[in-house]
Amino acid sequence: MDTRFLRSNLLILFAYAVLVNVFALLDGGEPAMTVFMGMMLLVFLHVLVLFIGMVVNFFRGF
């Protein structure tokens, strides 16, 4: 297993969490729901990008 790949994805997810929490604190609305919905959307998009990359690499024969 390539630990650089895992480390970079974990750092990206950590950055998502920090940015969503800062945005939720600055928003002033319902911070728990903002964090929940923001993380849900960002993690979904992250997984979608990883899945598309996996499919592309699979068909390229990598």
PDB file of N, CA and C in Angstrom:
ATOM      1  N   MET A   1       0.846  -1.180   0.000  1.00  0.00           N
ATOM      2  CA  MET A   1       0.000   0.000   0.000  1.00  0.00           C
ATOM      3  C   MET A   1       0.888   1.240   0.000  1.00  0.00           C
ATOM      4  N   ASP A   2       0.520   2.185  -0.816  1.00  0.00           N
ATOM      5  CA  ASP A   2       1.278   3.418  -0.908  1.00  0.00           C
ATOM      6  C   ASP A   2       0.841   4.358   0.211  1.00  0.00           C
ATOM      7  N   THR A   3       1.724   4.593   1.168  1.00  0.00           N
ATOM      8  CA  THR A   3       1.349   5.426   2.314  1.00  0.00           C
ATOM      9  C   THR A   3       1.243   6.896   1.928  1.00  0.00           C
ATOM     10  N   ARG A   4       1.919   7.318   0.855  1.00  0.00           N
ATOM     11  CA  ARG A   4       1.792   8.713   0.426  1.00  0.00           C
ATOM     12  C   ARG A   4       0.372   9.004  -0.031  1.00  0.00           C
ATOM     13  N   PHE A   5      -0.239   8.049  -0.723  1.00  0.00           N
ATOM     14  CA  PHE A   5      -1.614   8.214  -1.191  1.00  0.00           C
ATOM     15  C   PHE A   5      -2.568   8.336  -0.008  1.00  0.00           C
ATOM     16  N   LEU A   6      -2.408   7.451   0.970  1.00  0.00           N
ATOM     17  CA  LEU A   6      -3.257   7.488   2.156  1.00  0.00           C
ATOM     18  C   LEU A   6      -3.046   8.771   2.939  1.00  0.00           C
ATOM     19  N   ARG A   7      -1.782   9.159   3.130  1.00  0.00           N
ATOM     20  CA  ARG A   7      -1.473  10.369   3.890  1.00  0.00           C
ATOM     21  C   ARG A   7      -2.045  11.607   3.213  1.00  0.00           C
ATOM     22  N   SER A   8      -1.917  11.697   1.909  1.00  0.00           N
ATOM     23  CA  SER A   8      -2.425  12.880   1.212  1.00  0.00           C
ATOM     24  C   SER A   8      -3.947  12.952   1.282  1.00  0.00           C
ATOM     25  N   ASN A   9      -4.622  11.824   1.179  1.00  0.00           N
ATOM     26  CA  ASN A   9      -6.080  11.841   1.274  1.00  0.00           C
ATOM     27  C   ASN A   9      -6.552  12.183   2.680  1.00  0.00           C
ATOM     28  N   LEU A  10      -5.851  11.687   3.691  1.00  0.00           N
ATOM     29  CA  LEU A  10      -6.214  12.046   5.061  1.00  0.00           C
ATOM     30  C   LEU A  10      -5.977  13.524   5.332  1.00  0.00           C
ATOM     31  N   LEU A  11      -4.897  14.076   4.796  1.00  0.00           N
ATOM     32  CA  LEU A  11      -4.644  15.512   4.965  1.00  0.00           C
ATOM     33  C   LEU A  11      -5.699  16.353   4.241  1.00  0.00           C
ATOM     34  N   ILE A  12      -6.128  15.897   3.083  1.00  0.00           N
ATOM     35  CA  ILE A  12      -7.189  16.607   2.361  1.00  0.00           C
ATOM     36  C   ILE A  12      -8.486  16.572   3.164  1.00  0.00           C
ATOM     37  N   LEU A  13      -8.836  15.418   3.725  1.00  0.00           N
ATOM     38  CA  LEU A  13     -10.045  15.325   4.534  1.00  0.00           C
ATOM     39  C   LEU A  13      -9.934  16.186   5.792  1.00  0.00           C
ATOM     40  N   PHE A  14      -8.744  16.255   6.391  1.00  0.00           N
ATOM     41  CA  PHE A  14      -8.534  17.119   7.544  1.00  0.00           C
ATOM     42  C   PHE A  14      -8.722  18.582   7.155  1.00  0.00           C
ATOM     43  N   ALA A  15      -8.204  18.968   5.985  1.00  0.00           N
ATOM     44  CA  ALA A  15      -8.377  20.343   5.515  1.00  0.00           C
ATOM     45  C   ALA A  15      -9.853  20.650   5.280  1.00  0.00           C
ATOM     46  N   TYR A  16     -10.593  19.685   4.721  1.00  0.00           N
ATOM     47  CA  TYR A  16     -12.042  19.863   4.566  1.00  0.00           C
ATOM     48  C   TYR A  16     -12.687  20.134   5.921  1.00  0.00           C
ATOM     49  N   ALA A  17     -12.330  19.340   6.923  1.00  0.00           N
ATOM     50  CA  ALA A  17     -12.941  19.479   8.246  1.00  0.00           C
ATOM     51  C   ALA A  17     -12.641  20.846   8.848  1.00  0.00           C
ATOM     52  N   VAL A  18     -11.403  21.303   8.718  1.00  0.00           N
ATOM     53  CA  VAL A  18     -11.042  22.617   9.269  1.00  0.00           C
ATOM     54  C   VAL A  18     -11.800  23.723   8.543  1.00  0.00           C
ATOM     55  N   LEU A  19     -11.817  23.673   7.217  1.00  0.00           N
ATOM     56  CA  LEU A  19     -12.507  24.714   6.455  1.00  0.00           C
ATOM     57  C   LEU A  19     -14.006  24.739   6.725  1.00  0.00           C
ATOM     58  N   VAL A  20     -14.623  23.581   6.825  1.00  0.00           N
ATOM     59  CA  VAL A  20     -16.062  23.531   7.083  1.00  0.00           C
ATOM     60  C   VAL A  20     -16.364  24.051   8.489  1.00  0.00           C
ATOM     61  N   ASN A  21     -15.527  23.709   9.469  1.00  0.00           N
ATOM     62  CA  ASN A  21     -15.753  24.204  10.825  1.00  0.00           C
ATOM     63  C   ASN A  21     -15.563  25.713  10.915  1.00  0.00           C
ATOM     64  N   VAL A  22     -14.557  26.249  10.244  1.00  0.00           N
ATOM     65  CA  VAL A  22     -14.361  27.696  10.237  1.00  0.00           C
ATOM     66  C   VAL A  22     -15.540  28.383   9.561  1.00  0.00           C
ATOM     67  N   PHE A  23     -15.980  27.837   8.440  1.00  0.00           N
ATOM     68  CA  PHE A  23     -17.127  28.411   7.750  1.00  0.00           C
ATOM     69  C   PHE A  23     -18.383  28.349   8.622  1.00  0.00           C
ATOM     70  N   ALA A  24     -18.572  27.248   9.356  1.00  0.00           N
ATOM     71  CA  ALA A  24     -19.750  27.112  10.213  1.00  0.00           C
ATOM     72  C   ALA A  24     -19.710  28.119  11.354  1.00  0.00           C
ATOM     73  N   LEU A  25     -18.525  28.385  11.898  1.00  0.00           N
ATOM     74  CA  LEU A  25     -18.422  29.375  12.976  1.00  0.00           C
ATOM     75  C   LEU A  25     -18.668  30.789  12.466  1.00  0.00           C
ATOM     76  N   LEU A  26     -18.217  31.074  11.256  1.00  0.00           N
ATOM     77  CA  LEU A  26     -18.413  32.404  10.684  1.00  0.00           C
ATOM     78  C   LEU A  26     -19.832  32.611  10.169  1.00  0.00           C
ATOM     79  N   ASP A  27     -20.508  31.535   9.824  1.00  0.00           N
ATOM     80  CA  ASP A  27     -21.849  31.618   9.249  1.00  0.00           C
ATOM     81  C   ASP A  27     -22.850  32.136  10.271  1.00  0.00           C
ATOM     82  N   GLY A  28     -22.760  31.650  11.490  1.00  0.00           N
ATOM     83  CA  GLY A  28     -23.640  32.145  12.539  1.00  0.00           C
ATOM     84  C   GLY A  28     -24.990  31.456  12.596  1.00  0.00           C
ATOM     85  N   GLY A  29     -25.296  30.585  11.683  1.00  0.00           N
ATOM     86  CA  GLY A  29     -26.570  29.879  11.695  1.00  0.00           C
ATOM     87  C   GLY A  29     -26.520  28.687  12.620  1.00  0.00           C
ATOM     88  N   GLU A  30     -26.921  27.557  12.116  1.00  0.00           N
ATOM     89  CA  GLU A  30     -26.883  26.298  12.875  1.00  0.00           C
ATOM     90  C   GLU A  30     -25.571  25.593  12.547  1.00  0.00           C
ATOM     91  N   PRO A  31     -24.552  25.715  13.429  1.00  0.00           N
ATOM     92  CA  PRO A  31     -23.226  25.190  13.070  1.00  0.00           C
ATOM     93  C   PRO A  31     -23.182  23.674  12.916  1.00  0.00           C
ATOM     94  N   ALA A  32     -23.945  22.943  13.707  1.00  0.00           N
ATOM     95  CA  ALA A  32     -23.895  21.480  13.614  1.00  0.00           C
ATOM     96  C   ALA A  32     -24.411  21.002  12.259  1.00  0.00           C
ATOM     97  N   MET A  33     -25.491  21.598  11.795  1.00  0.00           N
ATOM     98  CA  MET A  33     -26.049  21.182  10.510  1.00  0.00           C
ATOM     99  C   MET A  33     -25.155  21.638   9.358  1.00  0.00           C
ATOM    100  N   THR A  34     -24.531  22.796   9.492  1.00  0.00           N
ATOM    101  CA  THR A  34     -23.609  23.275   8.462  1.00  0.00           C
ATOM    102  C   THR A  34     -22.411  22.341   8.339  1.00  0.00           C
ATOM    103  N   VAL A  35     -21.869  21.926   9.477  1.00  0.00           N
ATOM    104  CA  VAL A  35     -20.731  21.006   9.463  1.00  0.00           C
ATOM    105  C   VAL A  35     -21.151  19.667   8.872  1.00  0.00           C
ATOM    106  N   PHE A  36     -22.296  19.163   9.286  1.00  0.00           N
ATOM    107  CA  PHE A  36     -22.775  17.871   8.790  1.00  0.00           C
ATOM    108  C   PHE A  36     -22.975  17.892   7.281  1.00  0.00           C
ATOM    109  N   MET A  37     -23.702  18.877   6.792  1.00  0.00           N
ATOM    110  CA  MET A  37     -23.992  18.938   5.358  1.00  0.00           C
ATOM    111  C   MET A  37     -22.736  19.245   4.544  1.00  0.00           C
ATOM    112  N   GLY A  38     -21.882  20.128   5.054  1.00  0.00           N
ATOM    113  CA  GLY A  38     -20.659  20.465   4.336  1.00  0.00           C
ATOM    114  C   GLY A  38     -19.728  19.281   4.215  1.00  0.00           C
ATOM    115  N   MET A  39     -19.524  18.563   5.322  1.00  0.00           N
ATOM    116  CA  MET A  39     -18.652  17.390   5.279  1.00  0.00           C
ATOM    117  C   MET A  39     -19.247  16.294   4.411  1.00  0.00           C
ATOM    118  N   MET A  40     -20.569  16.129   4.483  1.00  0.00           N
ATOM    119  CA  MET A  40     -21.210  15.109   3.671  1.00  0.00           C
ATOM    120  C   MET A  40     -20.986  15.400   2.181  1.00  0.00           C
ATOM    121  N   LEU A  41     -21.154  16.638   1.782  1.00  0.00           N
ATOM    122  CA  LEU A  41     -20.973  17.012   0.382  1.00  0.00           C
ATOM    123  C   LEU A  41     -19.510  16.876  -0.039  1.00  0.00           C
ATOM    124  N   LEU A  42     -18.584  17.368   0.772  1.00  0.00           N
ATOM    125  CA  LEU A  42     -17.173  17.328   0.401  1.00  0.00           C
ATOM    126  C   LEU A  42     -16.622  15.904   0.368  1.00  0.00           C
ATOM    127  N   VAL A  43     -17.021  15.073   1.309  1.00  0.00           N
ATOM    128  CA  VAL A  43     -16.550  13.681   1.298  1.00  0.00           C
ATOM    129  C   VAL A  43     -17.137  12.937   0.105  1.00  0.00           C
ATOM    130  N   PHE A  44     -18.392  13.204  -0.227  1.00  0.00           N
ATOM    131  CA  PHE A  44     -18.990  12.581  -1.413  1.00  0.00           C
ATOM    132  C   PHE A  44     -18.240  12.981  -2.676  1.00  0.00           C
ATOM    133  N   LEU A  45     -17.932  14.272  -2.823  1.00  0.00           N
ATOM    134  CA  LEU A  45     -17.193  14.725  -4.000  1.00  0.00           C
ATOM    135  C   LEU A  45     -15.786  14.143  -4.028  1.00  0.00           C
ATOM    136  N   HIS A  46     -15.153  14.024  -2.868  1.00  0.00           N
ATOM    137  CA  HIS A  46     -13.815  13.439  -2.782  1.00  0.00           C
ATOM    138  C   HIS A  46     -13.841  11.973  -3.236  1.00  0.00           C
ATOM    139  N   VAL A  47     -14.805  11.217  -2.751  1.00  0.00           N
ATOM    140  CA  VAL A  47     -14.929   9.814  -3.131  1.00  0.00           C
ATOM    141  C   VAL A  47     -15.265   9.691  -4.616  1.00  0.00           C
ATOM    142  N   LEU A  48     -16.091  10.580  -5.125  1.00  0.00           N
ATOM    143  CA  LEU A  48     -16.445  10.556  -6.543  1.00  0.00           C
ATOM    144  C   LEU A  48     -15.213  10.801  -7.419  1.00  0.00           C
ATOM    145  N   VAL A  49     -14.387  11.766  -7.050  1.00  0.00           N
ATOM    146  CA  VAL A  49     -13.165  12.039  -7.808  1.00  0.00           C
ATOM    147  C   VAL A  49     -12.216  10.844  -7.748  1.00  0.00           C
ATOM    148  N   LEU A  50     -12.069  10.240  -6.569  1.00  0.00           N
ATOM    149  CA  LEU A  50     -11.216   9.059  -6.440  1.00  0.00           C
ATOM    150  C   LEU A  50     -11.751   7.900  -7.276  1.00  0.00           C
ATOM    151  N   PHE A  51     -13.064   7.719  -7.302  1.00  0.00           N
ATOM    152  CA  PHE A  51     -13.665   6.639  -8.082  1.00  0.00           C
ATOM    153  C   PHE A  51     -13.447   6.859  -9.576  1.00  0.00           C
ATOM    154  N   ILE A  52     -13.626   8.097 -10.040  1.00  0.00           N
ATOM    155  CA  ILE A  52     -13.402   8.392 -11.452  1.00  0.00           C
ATOM    156  C   ILE A  52     -11.943   8.146 -11.815  1.00  0.00           C
ATOM    157  N   GLY A  53     -11.029   8.557 -10.939  1.00  0.00           N
ATOM    158  CA  GLY A  53      -9.615   8.300 -11.184  1.00  0.00           C
ATOM    159  C   GLY A  53      -9.297   6.821 -11.232  1.00  0.00           C
ATOM    160  N   MET A  54      -9.944   6.038 -10.368  1.00  0.00           N
ATOM    161  CA  MET A  54      -9.734   4.603 -10.356  1.00  0.00           C
ATOM    162  C   MET A  54     -10.217   3.980 -11.663  1.00  0.00           C
ATOM    163  N   VAL A  55     -11.380   4.373 -12.127  1.00  0.00           N
ATOM    164  CA  VAL A  55     -11.935   3.821 -13.374  1.00  0.00           C
ATOM    165  C   VAL A  55     -11.048   4.194 -14.558  1.00  0.00           C
ATOM    166  N   VAL A  56     -10.594   5.428 -14.604  1.00  0.00           N
ATOM    167  CA  VAL A  56      -9.729   5.879 -15.705  1.00  0.00           C
ATOM    168  C   VAL A  56      -8.428   5.071 -15.693  1.00  0.00           C
ATOM    169  N   ASN A  57      -7.808   4.905 -14.516  1.00  0.00           N
ATOM    170  CA  ASN A  57      -6.567   4.138 -14.433  1.00  0.00           C
ATOM    171  C   ASN A  57      -6.793   2.664 -14.773  1.00  0.00           C
ATOM    172  N   PHE A  58      -7.948   2.129 -14.419  1.00  0.00           N
ATOM    173  CA  PHE A  58      -8.256   0.734 -14.738  1.00  0.00           C
ATOM    174  C   PHE A  58      -8.323   0.525 -16.246  1.00  0.00           C
ATOM    175  N   PHE A  59      -9.000   1.418 -16.949  1.00  0.00           N
ATOM    176  CA  PHE A  59      -9.145   1.251 -18.390  1.00  0.00           C
ATOM    177  C   PHE A  59      -7.889   1.633 -19.157  1.00  0.00           C
ATOM    178  N   ARG A  60      -7.006   2.415 -18.548  1.00  0.00           N
ATOM    179  CA  ARG A  60      -5.716   2.714 -19.184  1.00  0.00           C
ATOM    180  C   ARG A  60      -4.732   1.587 -18.989  1.00  0.00           C
ATOM    181  N   GLY A  61      -5.052   0.637 -18.117  1.00  0.00           N
ATOM    182  CA  GLY A  61      -4.195  -0.503 -17.882  1.00  0.00           C
ATOM    183  C   GLY A  61      -3.107  -0.255 -16.874  1.00  0.00           C
ATOM    184  N   PHE A  62      -3.330   0.702 -15.990  1.00  0.00           N
ATOM    185  CA  PHE A  62      -2.303   1.046 -15.005  1.00  0.00           C
ATOM    186  C   PHE A  62      -2.299   0.028 -13.897  1.00  0.00           C
TER     187      PHE A  62
END
